[in-house]
């Protein structure tokens, strides 16, 4: 066989074995009601994630003792960082008199309140609804005890597509931002 034909067959074989390009998704910022009367400087700590969510691939479900992971559908950035980035923008929109800084921000200020979030669950139920479960603590500099709350938010995706799952996750995180803004209001 000629060298050119061998090279073409090898290239065709490699192309047939390669996987398709991954589909990349993000969490979208959701608008919310503006609240006045919050503290001036808010530090949003890095988001804690349940281990099964801490992966580039999107987790569709964790029901039936089995993880259903979308092998070719991935987050565009690490999930904890993305949720933190979106929450910071959403909190700043809801609390315009406040400055919201991420823990890893290049800006360092003395925080009047520190927000901590642990995401325990973010996947679909067997009925198709998204369940978002997060524990939060808001620590005010001038109060001895933090405010704590557990948020359990269910959102039905518009369809079974991964894009609609990401949209439902965006809505759930927006609802979390609404609740955090209310906790931060004085």
C-alpha atoms as a PDB file:
ATOM      1  CA  UNK A   1       0.000   0.000   0.000  1.00  0.00           C
ATOM      2  CA  UNK A   2       1.216   3.491  -0.755  1.00  0.00           C
ATOM      3  CA  UNK A   3       2.317   5.713   2.151  1.00  0.00           C
ATOM      4  CA  UNK A   4      -0.332   8.348   1.303  1.00  0.00           C
ATOM      5  CA  UNK A   5      -3.124   5.755   1.366  1.00  0.00           C
ATOM      6  CA  UNK A   6      -1.868   4.387   4.693  1.00  0.00           C
ATOM      7  CA  UNK A   7      -1.781   7.888   6.172  1.00  0.00           C
ATOM      8  CA  UNK A   8      -5.325   8.624   4.925  1.00  0.00           C
ATOM      9  CA  UNK A   9      -6.674   5.352   6.320  1.00  0.00           C
ATOM     10  CA  UNK A  10      -4.959   6.007   9.656  1.00  0.00           C
ATOM     11  CA  UNK A  11      -6.427   9.508   9.833  1.00  0.00           C
ATOM     12  CA  UNK A  12      -9.890   8.194   8.955  1.00  0.00           C
ATOM     13  CA  UNK A  13      -9.567   5.510  11.632  1.00  0.00           C
ATOM     14  CA  UNK A  14      -8.566   8.056  14.247  1.00  0.00           C
ATOM     15  CA  UNK A  15     -11.440  10.346  13.280  1.00  0.00           C
ATOM     16  CA  UNK A  16     -13.908   7.473  13.599  1.00  0.00           C
ATOM     17  CA  UNK A  17     -12.616   6.682  17.109  1.00  0.00           C
ATOM     18  CA  UNK A  18     -12.704  10.231  18.427  1.00  0.00           C
ATOM     19  CA  UNK A  19     -15.595  11.385  20.575  1.00  0.00           C
ATOM     20  CA  UNK A  20     -17.815  14.272  19.537  1.00  0.00           C
ATOM     21  CA  UNK A  21     -17.121  17.745  20.833  1.00  0.00           C
ATOM     22  CA  UNK A  22     -18.561  18.203  24.330  1.00  0.00           C
ATOM     23  CA  UNK A  23     -21.529  20.507  24.861  1.00  0.00           C
ATOM     24  CA  UNK A  24     -20.555  23.202  27.366  1.00  0.00           C
ATOM     25  CA  UNK A  25     -23.099  24.827  29.725  1.00  0.00           C
ATOM     26  CA  UNK A  26     -23.184  27.623  32.260  1.00  0.00           C
ATOM     27  CA  UNK A  27     -25.441  28.831  35.056  1.00  0.00           C
ATOM     28  CA  UNK A  28     -27.256  32.027  34.047  1.00  0.00           C
ATOM     29  CA  UNK A  29     -27.701  35.078  36.266  1.00  0.00           C
ATOM     30  CA  UNK A  30     -31.355  35.586  37.256  1.00  0.00           C
ATOM     31  CA  UNK A  31     -32.844  38.995  38.084  1.00  0.00           C
ATOM     32  CA  UNK A  32     -34.452  39.538  41.468  1.00  0.00           C
ATOM     33  CA  UNK A  33     -36.168  42.136  43.612  1.00  0.00           C
ATOM     34  CA  UNK A  34     -34.000  44.955  44.933  1.00  0.00           C
ATOM     35  CA  UNK A  35     -33.772  45.059  48.735  1.00  0.00           C
ATOM     36  CA  UNK A  36     -32.517  48.054  50.703  1.00  0.00           C
ATOM     37  CA  UNK A  37     -30.991  48.165  54.157  1.00  0.00           C
ATOM     38  CA  UNK A  38     -28.208  45.599  53.936  1.00  0.00           C
ATOM     39  CA  UNK A  39     -24.686  45.723  55.314  1.00  0.00           C
ATOM     40  CA  UNK A  40     -22.026  47.571  53.311  1.00  0.00           C
ATOM     41  CA  UNK A  41     -19.432  44.854  52.610  1.00  0.00           C
ATOM     42  CA  UNK A  42     -20.352  41.209  52.037  1.00  0.00           C
ATOM     43  CA  UNK A  43     -17.849  38.395  51.569  1.00  0.00           C
ATOM     44  CA  UNK A  44     -19.117  35.335  49.720  1.00  0.00           C
ATOM     45  CA  UNK A  45     -16.967  32.365  50.710  1.00  0.00           C
ATOM     46  CA  UNK A  46     -16.071  29.636  48.248  1.00  0.00           C
ATOM     47  CA  UNK A  47     -19.051  27.372  47.631  1.00  0.00           C
ATOM     48  CA  UNK A  48     -18.886  23.946  49.246  1.00  0.00           C
ATOM     49  CA  UNK A  49     -20.061  21.145  46.949  1.00  0.00           C
ATOM     50  CA  UNK A  50     -21.147  17.598  47.623  1.00  0.00           C
ATOM     51  CA  UNK A  51     -18.388  15.403  46.210  1.00  0.00           C
ATOM     52  CA  UNK A  52     -20.557  13.809  43.542  1.00  0.00           C
ATOM     53  CA  UNK A  53     -21.218  17.255  42.016  1.00  0.00           C
ATOM     54  CA  UNK A  54     -17.566  18.287  41.979  1.00  0.00           C
ATOM     55  CA  UNK A  55     -16.778  17.146  38.428  1.00  0.00           C
ATOM     56  CA  UNK A  56     -16.782  18.763  34.980  1.00  0.00           C
ATOM     57  CA  UNK A  57     -19.613  16.547  33.707  1.00  0.00           C
ATOM     58  CA  UNK A  58     -23.205  17.500  34.494  1.00  0.00           C
ATOM     59  CA  UNK A  59     -24.913  15.161  36.946  1.00  0.00           C
ATOM     60  CA  UNK A  60     -28.425  14.384  35.732  1.00  0.00           C
ATOM     61  CA  UNK A  61     -29.624  12.251  38.645  1.00  0.00           C
ATOM     62  CA  UNK A  62     -28.530  10.542  41.851  1.00  0.00           C
ATOM     63  CA  UNK A  63     -31.647   8.451  42.383  1.00  0.00           C
ATOM     64  CA  UNK A  64     -31.761   4.685  42.826  1.00  0.00           C
ATOM     65  CA  UNK A  65     -28.253   4.632  44.377  1.00  0.00           C
ATOM     66  CA  UNK A  66     -26.816   5.391  40.949  1.00  0.00           C
ATOM     67  CA  UNK A  67     -25.307   8.527  39.465  1.00  0.00           C
ATOM     68  CA  UNK A  68     -26.408   9.399  35.973  1.00  0.00           C
ATOM     69  CA  UNK A  69     -23.645  11.570  34.554  1.00  0.00           C
ATOM     70  CA  UNK A  70     -23.874  13.290  31.195  1.00  0.00           C
ATOM     71  CA  UNK A  71     -20.524  12.217  29.722  1.00  0.00           C
ATOM     72  CA  UNK A  72     -20.556  14.731  26.843  1.00  0.00           C
ATOM     73  CA  UNK A  73     -22.369  17.596  28.627  1.00  0.00           C
ATOM     74  CA  UNK A  74     -20.013  19.641  30.787  1.00  0.00           C
ATOM     75  CA  UNK A  75     -19.867  22.787  32.867  1.00  0.00           C
ATOM     76  CA  UNK A  76     -17.898  25.640  31.317  1.00  0.00           C
ATOM     77  CA  UNK A  77     -15.989  26.212  34.588  1.00  0.00           C
ATOM     78  CA  UNK A  78     -15.677  24.405  37.936  1.00  0.00           C
ATOM     79  CA  UNK A  79     -19.195  24.182  39.372  1.00  0.00           C
ATOM     80  CA  UNK A  80     -18.412  25.633  42.815  1.00  0.00           C
ATOM     81  CA  UNK A  81     -16.669  28.643  41.287  1.00  0.00           C
ATOM     82  CA  UNK A  82     -19.463  29.149  38.782  1.00  0.00           C
ATOM     83  CA  UNK A  83     -22.182  29.073  41.455  1.00  0.00           C
ATOM     84  CA  UNK A  84     -20.133  31.519  43.538  1.00  0.00           C
ATOM     85  CA  UNK A  85     -19.620  33.875  40.603  1.00  0.00           C
ATOM     86  CA  UNK A  86     -23.330  33.849  39.730  1.00  0.00           C
ATOM     87  CA  UNK A  87     -24.408  34.286  43.375  1.00  0.00           C
ATOM     88  CA  UNK A  88     -22.057  37.265  43.788  1.00  0.00           C
ATOM     89  CA  UNK A  89     -23.573  38.981  40.744  1.00  0.00           C
ATOM     90  CA  UNK A  90     -27.122  38.157  41.857  1.00  0.00           C
ATOM     91  CA  UNK A  91     -26.524  39.407  45.415  1.00  0.00           C
ATOM     92  CA  UNK A  92     -24.980  42.639  44.110  1.00  0.00           C
ATOM     93  CA  UNK A  93     -28.053  43.171  41.913  1.00  0.00           C
ATOM     94  CA  UNK A  94     -30.486  42.492  44.770  1.00  0.00           C
ATOM     95  CA  UNK A  95     -28.504  44.543  47.329  1.00  0.00           C
ATOM     96  CA  UNK A  96     -27.291  47.585  45.333  1.00  0.00           C
ATOM     97  CA  UNK A  97     -26.171  49.494  48.465  1.00  0.00           C
ATOM     98  CA  UNK A  98     -23.771  46.632  49.302  1.00  0.00           C
ATOM     99  CA  UNK A  99     -20.424  45.576  47.889  1.00  0.00           C
ATOM    100  CA  UNK A 100     -20.266  41.826  47.310  1.00  0.00           C
ATOM    101  CA  UNK A 101     -16.800  40.273  47.124  1.00  0.00           C
ATOM    102  CA  UNK A 102     -15.812  36.678  46.548  1.00  0.00           C
ATOM    103  CA  UNK A 103     -13.417  35.059  48.980  1.00  0.00           C
ATOM    104  CA  UNK A 104     -10.778  34.702  46.253  1.00  0.00           C
ATOM    105  CA  UNK A 105     -11.293  38.214  44.944  1.00  0.00           C
ATOM    106  CA  UNK A 106      -8.296  40.445  44.322  1.00  0.00           C
ATOM    107  CA  UNK A 107     -10.032  42.988  46.562  1.00  0.00           C
ATOM    108  CA  UNK A 108      -9.613  42.618  50.312  1.00  0.00           C
ATOM    109  CA  UNK A 109     -11.925  44.445  52.727  1.00  0.00           C
ATOM    110  CA  UNK A 110     -13.212  43.901  56.246  1.00  0.00           C
ATOM    111  CA  UNK A 111     -16.541  42.160  55.738  1.00  0.00           C
ATOM    112  CA  UNK A 112     -19.623  43.277  57.632  1.00  0.00           C
ATOM    113  CA  UNK A 113     -21.181  39.904  56.756  1.00  0.00           C
ATOM    114  CA  UNK A 114     -19.762  36.607  55.542  1.00  0.00           C
ATOM    115  CA  UNK A 115     -21.954  34.238  53.509  1.00  0.00           C
ATOM    116  CA  UNK A 116     -21.181  30.506  53.460  1.00  0.00           C
ATOM    117  CA  UNK A 117     -23.013  28.052  51.200  1.00  0.00           C
ATOM    118  CA  UNK A 118     -22.832  24.250  51.038  1.00  0.00           C
ATOM    119  CA  UNK A 119     -24.600  22.722  48.036  1.00  0.00           C
ATOM    120  CA  UNK A 120     -25.675  19.230  49.089  1.00  0.00           C
ATOM    121  CA  UNK A 121     -27.715  18.316  46.043  1.00  0.00           C
ATOM    122  CA  UNK A 122     -28.376  19.610  42.527  1.00  0.00           C
ATOM    123  CA  UNK A 123     -29.910  16.987  40.260  1.00  0.00           C
ATOM    124  CA  UNK A 124     -33.199  15.608  39.005  1.00  0.00           C
ATOM    125  CA  UNK A 125     -35.729  13.460  40.826  1.00  0.00           C
ATOM    126  CA  UNK A 126     -37.226  10.378  39.119  1.00  0.00           C
ATOM    127  CA  UNK A 127     -40.252  12.566  38.206  1.00  0.00           C
ATOM    128  CA  UNK A 128     -37.920  14.925  36.300  1.00  0.00           C
ATOM    129  CA  UNK A 129     -38.035  17.874  38.715  1.00  0.00           C
ATOM    130  CA  UNK A 130     -34.732  19.423  39.717  1.00  0.00           C
ATOM    131  CA  UNK A 131     -33.950  19.396  43.440  1.00  0.00           C
ATOM    132  CA  UNK A 132     -31.484  21.973  44.726  1.00  0.00           C
ATOM    133  CA  UNK A 133     -30.510  21.594  48.396  1.00  0.00           C
ATOM    134  CA  UNK A 134     -28.177  24.093  50.064  1.00  0.00           C
ATOM    135  CA  UNK A 135     -27.237  24.892  53.643  1.00  0.00           C
ATOM    136  CA  UNK A 136     -26.299  28.516  54.301  1.00  0.00           C
ATOM    137  CA  UNK A 137     -24.847  30.558  57.138  1.00  0.00           C
ATOM    138  CA  UNK A 138     -24.669  34.334  57.293  1.00  0.00           C
ATOM    139  CA  UNK A 139     -22.209  35.635  59.883  1.00  0.00           C
ATOM    140  CA  UNK A 140     -22.531  39.297  60.784  1.00  0.00           C
ATOM    141  CA  UNK A 141     -19.503  41.050  62.288  1.00  0.00           C
ATOM    142  CA  UNK A 142     -21.650  42.616  65.025  1.00  0.00           C
ATOM    143  CA  UNK A 143     -23.687  39.515  65.997  1.00  0.00           C
ATOM    144  CA  UNK A 144     -22.424  36.560  68.036  1.00  0.00           C
ATOM    145  CA  UNK A 145     -24.510  33.876  66.310  1.00  0.00           C
ATOM    146  CA  UNK A 146     -24.829  33.314  62.562  1.00  0.00           C
ATOM    147  CA  UNK A 147     -28.159  33.086  60.794  1.00  0.00           C
ATOM    148  CA  UNK A 148     -28.525  29.625  59.307  1.00  0.00           C
ATOM    149  CA  UNK A 149     -31.040  28.106  56.938  1.00  0.00           C
ATOM    150  CA  UNK A 150     -31.490  25.122  54.687  1.00  0.00           C
ATOM    151  CA  UNK A 151     -32.957  25.804  51.252  1.00  0.00           C
ATOM    152  CA  UNK A 152     -34.734  22.997  49.425  1.00  0.00           C
ATOM    153  CA  UNK A 153     -35.813  24.259  46.034  1.00  0.00           C
ATOM    154  CA  UNK A 154     -37.612  22.222  43.372  1.00  0.00           C
ATOM    155  CA  UNK A 155     -37.870  23.421  39.793  1.00  0.00           C
ATOM    156  CA  UNK A 156     -39.440  21.561  36.879  1.00  0.00           C
ATOM    157  CA  UNK A 157     -37.279  21.802  33.747  1.00  0.00           C
ATOM    158  CA  UNK A 158     -39.182  22.817  30.599  1.00  0.00           C
ATOM    159  CA  UNK A 159     -38.083  19.558  28.921  1.00  0.00           C
ATOM    160  CA  UNK A 160     -35.701  16.654  29.412  1.00  0.00           C
ATOM    161  CA  UNK A 161     -32.852  18.452  27.630  1.00  0.00           C
ATOM    162  CA  UNK A 162     -29.644  19.231  29.495  1.00  0.00           C
ATOM    163  CA  UNK A 163     -30.035  22.900  28.482  1.00  0.00           C
ATOM    164  CA  UNK A 164     -33.399  23.010  30.252  1.00  0.00           C
ATOM    165  CA  UNK A 165     -31.857  21.302  33.298  1.00  0.00           C
ATOM    166  CA  UNK A 166     -29.192  24.056  33.377  1.00  0.00           C
ATOM    167  CA  UNK A 167     -31.973  26.654  33.074  1.00  0.00           C
ATOM    168  CA  UNK A 168     -33.824  25.092  36.042  1.00  0.00           C
ATOM    169  CA  UNK A 169     -30.562  25.082  38.027  1.00  0.00           C
ATOM    170  CA  UNK A 170     -30.126  28.768  37.170  1.00  0.00           C
ATOM    171  CA  UNK A 171     -33.643  29.510  38.469  1.00  0.00           C
ATOM    172  CA  UNK A 172     -32.946  27.575  41.681  1.00  0.00           C
ATOM    173  CA  UNK A 173     -29.715  29.498  42.313  1.00  0.00           C
ATOM    174  CA  UNK A 174     -31.608  32.734  41.646  1.00  0.00           C
ATOM    175  CA  UNK A 175     -34.140  31.708  44.288  1.00  0.00           C
ATOM    176  CA  UNK A 176     -31.259  30.988  46.670  1.00  0.00           C
ATOM    177  CA  UNK A 177     -29.942  34.512  45.989  1.00  0.00           C
ATOM    178  CA  UNK A 178     -33.400  35.910  46.851  1.00  0.00           C
ATOM    179  CA  UNK A 179     -33.313  34.073  50.191  1.00  0.00           C
ATOM    180  CA  UNK A 180     -29.742  35.138  50.965  1.00  0.00           C
ATOM    181  CA  UNK A 181     -30.563  38.770  50.154  1.00  0.00           C
ATOM    182  CA  UNK A 182     -33.482  38.624  52.589  1.00  0.00           C
ATOM    183  CA  UNK A 183     -31.201  37.165  55.275  1.00  0.00           C
ATOM    184  CA  UNK A 184     -28.670  39.950  54.695  1.00  0.00           C
ATOM    185  CA  UNK A 185     -31.275  42.728  54.855  1.00  0.00           C
ATOM    186  CA  UNK A 186     -31.401  44.596  58.155  1.00  0.00           C
END
